[in-house]
Amino acid sequence: MSVIDHIKSKCCDAVVSHCSEKGCTLKLTGLSNFVILKGEKLSKNRKICDHVIFIGNDRTIIVIVEFKSRNARPSEIEKKFTNCSTAALDILEKCDSPQYEFYHIVIVRNWRPHEYRKIVNMSLAIRGKRYPIIPLAKEVSLSDVLSRFQY
């Protein structure tokens, strides 16, 4: 069983068909072998991001997505990304998939300049490795994001 199929079967109550909220959309055209999970269904007792996308290729790509219509509070976003990354890794460990890449994306309908600058300069420490936060606006394609920001 592939990692994606395993995640779909173990987290079936959290699987959703699209990745959009608050007037913002992350398009998944051109991608295959992925699953989208609704973040709030993964953890009810801590702040968590809106969506987690697992893409299965040679390595598993984990995309954590937070949508904001306004007020992208950097400290709140950092906490949500950290909690959601931990939840995603817990799911991935149950699938015996040791190799992964993280992408943390925040999509805001209307960025405020000071919030944008702060987000751009932030990075997250997840299990000893640092990851940037990718700030985007309104409607974007995930395949474009992955091709632009590959680590």
C-alpha atoms as a PDB file:
ATOM      1  CA  MET A   1       0.000   0.000   0.000  1.00  0.00           C
ATOM      2  CA  SER A   2       1.369   3.439  -0.920  1.00  0.00           C
ATOM      3  CA  VAL A   3       1.872   6.149   1.707  1.00  0.00           C
ATOM      4  CA  ILE A   4      -0.983   8.205   0.235  1.00  0.00           C
ATOM      5  CA  ASP A   5      -3.385   5.238   0.237  1.00  0.00           C
ATOM      6  CA  HIS A   6      -2.381   4.451   3.812  1.00  0.00           C
ATOM      7  CA  ILE A   7      -3.072   8.054   4.909  1.00  0.00           C
ATOM      8  CA  LYS A   8      -6.434   8.047   3.108  1.00  0.00           C
ATOM      9  CA  SER A   9      -7.474   4.882   4.921  1.00  0.00           C
ATOM     10  CA  LYS A  10      -6.239   5.953   8.381  1.00  0.00           C
ATOM     11  CA  CYS A  11      -7.535   9.542   8.226  1.00  0.00           C
ATOM     12  CA  CYS A  12     -10.659   9.036   6.102  1.00  0.00           C
ATOM     13  CA  ASP A  13     -12.801  11.341   8.273  1.00  0.00           C
ATOM     14  CA  ALA A  14     -10.397  14.267   7.644  1.00  0.00           C
ATOM     15  CA  VAL A  15     -10.045  13.843   3.841  1.00  0.00           C
ATOM     16  CA  VAL A  16     -11.402  16.746   1.756  1.00  0.00           C
ATOM     17  CA  SER A  17     -11.490  17.264  -2.010  1.00  0.00           C
ATOM     18  CA  HIS A  18     -10.233  20.846  -2.325  1.00  0.00           C
ATOM     19  CA  CYS A  19      -7.951  23.343  -0.637  1.00  0.00           C
ATOM     20  CA  SER A  20      -9.663  26.711  -0.305  1.00  0.00           C
ATOM     21  CA  GLU A  21     -11.060  28.936   2.386  1.00  0.00           C
ATOM     22  CA  LYS A  22     -11.804  32.579   3.179  1.00  0.00           C
ATOM     23  CA  GLY A  23     -11.769  33.680  -0.475  1.00  0.00           C
ATOM     24  CA  CYS A  24      -8.359  32.097  -1.136  1.00  0.00           C
ATOM     25  CA  THR A  25      -7.532  28.968  -3.146  1.00  0.00           C
ATOM     26  CA  LEU A  26      -4.576  26.649  -3.555  1.00  0.00           C
ATOM     27  CA  LYS A  27      -5.016  24.926  -6.929  1.00  0.00           C
ATOM     28  CA  LEU A  28      -3.807  21.334  -7.219  1.00  0.00           C
ATOM     29  CA  THR A  29      -3.954  20.973 -10.999  1.00  0.00           C
ATOM     30  CA  GLY A  30      -1.117  19.005 -12.522  1.00  0.00           C
ATOM     31  CA  LEU A  31      -0.493  16.975  -9.373  1.00  0.00           C
ATOM     32  CA  SER A  32      -1.245  13.315  -8.912  1.00  0.00           C
ATOM     33  CA  ASN A  33      -1.069  10.898  -5.989  1.00  0.00           C
ATOM     34  CA  PHE A  34      -2.008  13.278  -3.175  1.00  0.00           C
ATOM     35  CA  VAL A  35      -4.434  13.550  -0.301  1.00  0.00           C
ATOM     36  CA  ILE A  36      -5.782  16.700   1.374  1.00  0.00           C
ATOM     37  CA  LEU A  37      -6.672  16.589   5.069  1.00  0.00           C
ATOM     38  CA  LYS A  38      -8.694  19.188   6.931  1.00  0.00           C
ATOM     39  CA  GLY A  39      -6.493  20.411   9.764  1.00  0.00           C
ATOM     40  CA  GLU A  40      -9.239  20.975  12.316  1.00  0.00           C
ATOM     41  CA  LYS A  41     -10.230  17.310  12.056  1.00  0.00           C
ATOM     42  CA  LEU A  42      -6.695  16.168  12.915  1.00  0.00           C
ATOM     43  CA  SER A  43      -6.545  17.884  16.295  1.00  0.00           C
ATOM     44  CA  LYS A  44      -9.366  19.421  18.240  1.00  0.00           C
ATOM     45  CA  ASN A  45      -7.412  20.387  21.366  1.00  0.00           C
ATOM     46  CA  ARG A  46      -4.718  22.652  19.870  1.00  0.00           C
ATOM     47  CA  LYS A  47      -4.458  25.396  17.276  1.00  0.00           C
ATOM     48  CA  ILE A  48      -3.742  23.867  13.905  1.00  0.00           C
ATOM     49  CA  CYS A  49      -3.618  24.969  10.248  1.00  0.00           C
ATOM     50  CA  ASP A  50      -6.455  24.728   7.763  1.00  0.00           C
ATOM     51  CA  HIS A  51      -5.116  21.959   5.490  1.00  0.00           C
ATOM     52  CA  VAL A  52      -2.372  19.363   5.254  1.00  0.00           C
ATOM     53  CA  ILE A  53      -1.512  17.967   1.829  1.00  0.00           C
ATOM     54  CA  PHE A  54       0.555  14.813   1.432  1.00  0.00           C
ATOM     55  CA  ILE A  55       2.029  14.220  -2.024  1.00  0.00           C
ATOM     56  CA  GLY A  56       3.541  10.816  -2.691  1.00  0.00           C
ATOM     57  CA  ASN A  57       6.511  10.589  -5.015  1.00  0.00           C
ATOM     58  CA  ASP A  58      10.006   9.243  -4.355  1.00  0.00           C
ATOM     59  CA  ARG A  59       9.908  11.291  -1.168  1.00  0.00           C
ATOM     60  CA  THR A  60       6.742  12.347   0.607  1.00  0.00           C
ATOM     61  CA  ILE A  61       6.038  16.060   0.323  1.00  0.00           C
ATOM     62  CA  ILE A  62       4.052  17.569   3.186  1.00  0.00           C
ATOM     63  CA  VAL A  63       2.401  20.919   2.463  1.00  0.00           C
ATOM     64  CA  ILE A  64       0.909  22.737   5.444  1.00  0.00           C
ATOM     65  CA  VAL A  65      -1.531  25.489   4.411  1.00  0.00           C
ATOM     66  CA  GLU A  66      -3.003  28.321   6.465  1.00  0.00           C
ATOM     67  CA  PHE A  67      -5.576  30.660   4.893  1.00  0.00           C
ATOM     68  CA  LYS A  68      -6.281  34.140   6.234  1.00  0.00           C
ATOM     69  CA  SER A  69      -8.766  36.694   4.949  1.00  0.00           C
ATOM     70  CA  ARG A  70      -6.919  39.416   6.878  1.00  0.00           C
ATOM     71  CA  ASN A  71      -4.694  39.857   9.925  1.00  0.00           C
ATOM     72  CA  ALA A  72      -1.951  37.286   9.423  1.00  0.00           C
ATOM     73  CA  ARG A  73      -0.650  37.352  12.999  1.00  0.00           C
ATOM     74  CA  PRO A  74       2.886  35.929  12.754  1.00  0.00           C
ATOM     75  CA  SER A  75       3.039  34.447  16.280  1.00  0.00           C
ATOM     76  CA  GLU A  76      -0.311  32.671  15.817  1.00  0.00           C
ATOM     77  CA  ILE A  77       0.727  31.372  12.407  1.00  0.00           C
ATOM     78  CA  GLU A  78       4.032  30.081  13.804  1.00  0.00           C
ATOM     79  CA  LYS A  79       2.214  28.157  16.558  1.00  0.00           C
ATOM     80  CA  LYS A  80      -0.316  26.683  14.111  1.00  0.00           C
ATOM     81  CA  PHE A  81       2.435  25.581  11.691  1.00  0.00           C
ATOM     82  CA  THR A  82       4.436  23.964  14.479  1.00  0.00           C
ATOM     83  CA  ASN A  83       1.416  22.066  15.848  1.00  0.00           C
ATOM     84  CA  CYS A  84       0.275  20.996  12.389  1.00  0.00           C
ATOM     85  CA  SER A  85       3.768  19.851  11.375  1.00  0.00           C
ATOM     86  CA  THR A  86       3.946  17.657  14.465  1.00  0.00           C
ATOM     87  CA  ALA A  87       0.520  16.158  13.655  1.00  0.00           C
ATOM     88  CA  ALA A  88       1.568  15.524  10.027  1.00  0.00           C
ATOM     89  CA  LEU A  89       4.778  13.794  11.101  1.00  0.00           C
ATOM     90  CA  ASP A  90       2.826  11.635  13.564  1.00  0.00           C
ATOM     91  CA  ILE A  91       0.634  10.490  10.659  1.00  0.00           C
ATOM     92  CA  LEU A  92       3.635   9.904   8.403  1.00  0.00           C
ATOM     93  CA  GLU A  93       5.479   7.842  11.033  1.00  0.00           C
ATOM     94  CA  LYS A  94       2.566   5.403  11.141  1.00  0.00           C
ATOM     95  CA  CYS A  95       3.072   4.865   7.398  1.00  0.00           C
ATOM     96  CA  ASP A  96       6.762   3.962   7.704  1.00  0.00           C
ATOM     97  CA  SER A  97       7.840   6.773   5.365  1.00  0.00           C
ATOM     98  CA  PRO A  98      11.115   8.173   6.698  1.00  0.00           C
ATOM     99  CA  GLN A  99      11.914  10.667   3.921  1.00  0.00           C
ATOM    100  CA  TYR A 100       9.881  13.839   3.609  1.00  0.00           C
ATOM    101  CA  GLU A 101      10.017  17.495   2.601  1.00  0.00           C
ATOM    102  CA  PHE A 102       8.021  20.267   4.281  1.00  0.00           C
ATOM    103  CA  TYR A 103       6.447  23.343   2.728  1.00  0.00           C
ATOM    104  CA  HIS A 104       4.658  25.800   4.996  1.00  0.00           C
ATOM    105  CA  ILE A 105       2.382  28.138   3.048  1.00  0.00           C
ATOM    106  CA  VAL A 106       0.269  31.005   4.321  1.00  0.00           C
ATOM    107  CA  ILE A 107      -2.190  32.468   1.814  1.00  0.00           C
ATOM    108  CA  VAL A 108      -3.716  35.836   2.670  1.00  0.00           C
ATOM    109  CA  ARG A 109      -6.350  37.716   0.698  1.00  0.00           C
ATOM    110  CA  ASN A 110      -4.857  41.145   1.487  1.00  0.00           C
ATOM    111  CA  TRP A 111      -1.394  41.298   3.038  1.00  0.00           C
ATOM    112  CA  ARG A 112      -0.489  44.094   5.398  1.00  0.00           C
ATOM    113  CA  PRO A 113       3.106  45.154   4.682  1.00  0.00           C
ATOM    114  CA  HIS A 114       4.373  44.761   8.261  1.00  0.00           C
ATOM    115  CA  GLU A 115       2.856  41.277   8.624  1.00  0.00           C
ATOM    116  CA  TYR A 116       4.272  40.197   5.264  1.00  0.00           C
ATOM    117  CA  ARG A 117       7.792  41.358   6.208  1.00  0.00           C
ATOM    118  CA  LYS A 118       7.650  39.547   9.524  1.00  0.00           C
ATOM    119  CA  ILE A 119       6.408  36.286   7.943  1.00  0.00           C
ATOM    120  CA  VAL A 120       9.088  36.415   5.216  1.00  0.00           C
ATOM    121  CA  ASN A 121      11.800  36.682   7.883  1.00  0.00           C
ATOM    122  CA  MET A 122      10.427  33.831  10.009  1.00  0.00           C
ATOM    123  CA  SER A 123      11.474  30.214   9.894  1.00  0.00           C
ATOM    124  CA  LEU A 124      10.185  27.200  11.783  1.00  0.00           C
ATOM    125  CA  ALA A 125      12.223  24.608  13.654  1.00  0.00           C
ATOM    126  CA  ILE A 126      10.659  21.197  13.132  1.00  0.00           C
ATOM    127  CA  ARG A 127      12.600  18.303  14.659  1.00  0.00           C
ATOM    128  CA  GLY A 128      15.884  20.144  14.467  1.00  0.00           C
ATOM    129  CA  LYS A 129      15.572  21.399  10.892  1.00  0.00           C
ATOM    130  CA  ARG A 130      14.644  24.943   9.852  1.00  0.00           C
ATOM    131  CA  TYR A 131      11.941  25.626   7.278  1.00  0.00           C
ATOM    132  CA  PRO A 132      10.857  28.953   5.792  1.00  0.00           C
ATOM    133  CA  ILE A 133       7.259  30.122   5.691  1.00  0.00           C
ATOM    134  CA  ILE A 134       6.103  30.885   2.148  1.00  0.00           C
ATOM    135  CA  PRO A 135       3.714  33.877   2.012  1.00  0.00           C
ATOM    136  CA  LEU A 136       1.354  33.956  -0.972  1.00  0.00           C
ATOM    137  CA  ALA A 137      -1.719  35.885  -2.066  1.00  0.00           C
ATOM    138  CA  LYS A 138      -5.279  34.794  -2.929  1.00  0.00           C
ATOM    139  CA  GLU A 139      -5.142  32.165  -5.654  1.00  0.00           C
ATOM    140  CA  VAL A 140      -2.031  30.139  -6.481  1.00  0.00           C
ATOM    141  CA  SER A 141      -1.045  26.822  -8.011  1.00  0.00           C
ATOM    142  CA  LEU A 142       0.749  24.342  -5.758  1.00  0.00           C
ATOM    143  CA  SER A 143       2.778  22.920  -8.640  1.00  0.00           C
ATOM    144  CA  ASP A 144       4.106  26.456  -9.350  1.00  0.00           C
ATOM    145  CA  VAL A 145       4.970  26.929  -5.682  1.00  0.00           C
ATOM    146  CA  LEU A 146       6.800  23.595  -5.487  1.00  0.00           C
ATOM    147  CA  SER A 147       8.823  24.337  -8.622  1.00  0.00           C
ATOM    148  CA  ARG A 148       9.805  27.799  -7.331  1.00  0.00           C
ATOM    149  CA  PHE A 149      10.663  26.883  -3.745  1.00  0.00           C
ATOM    150  CA  GLN A 150      12.283  23.445  -3.948  1.00  0.00           C
ATOM    151  CA  TYR A 151      14.923  22.983  -1.254  1.00  0.00           C
END
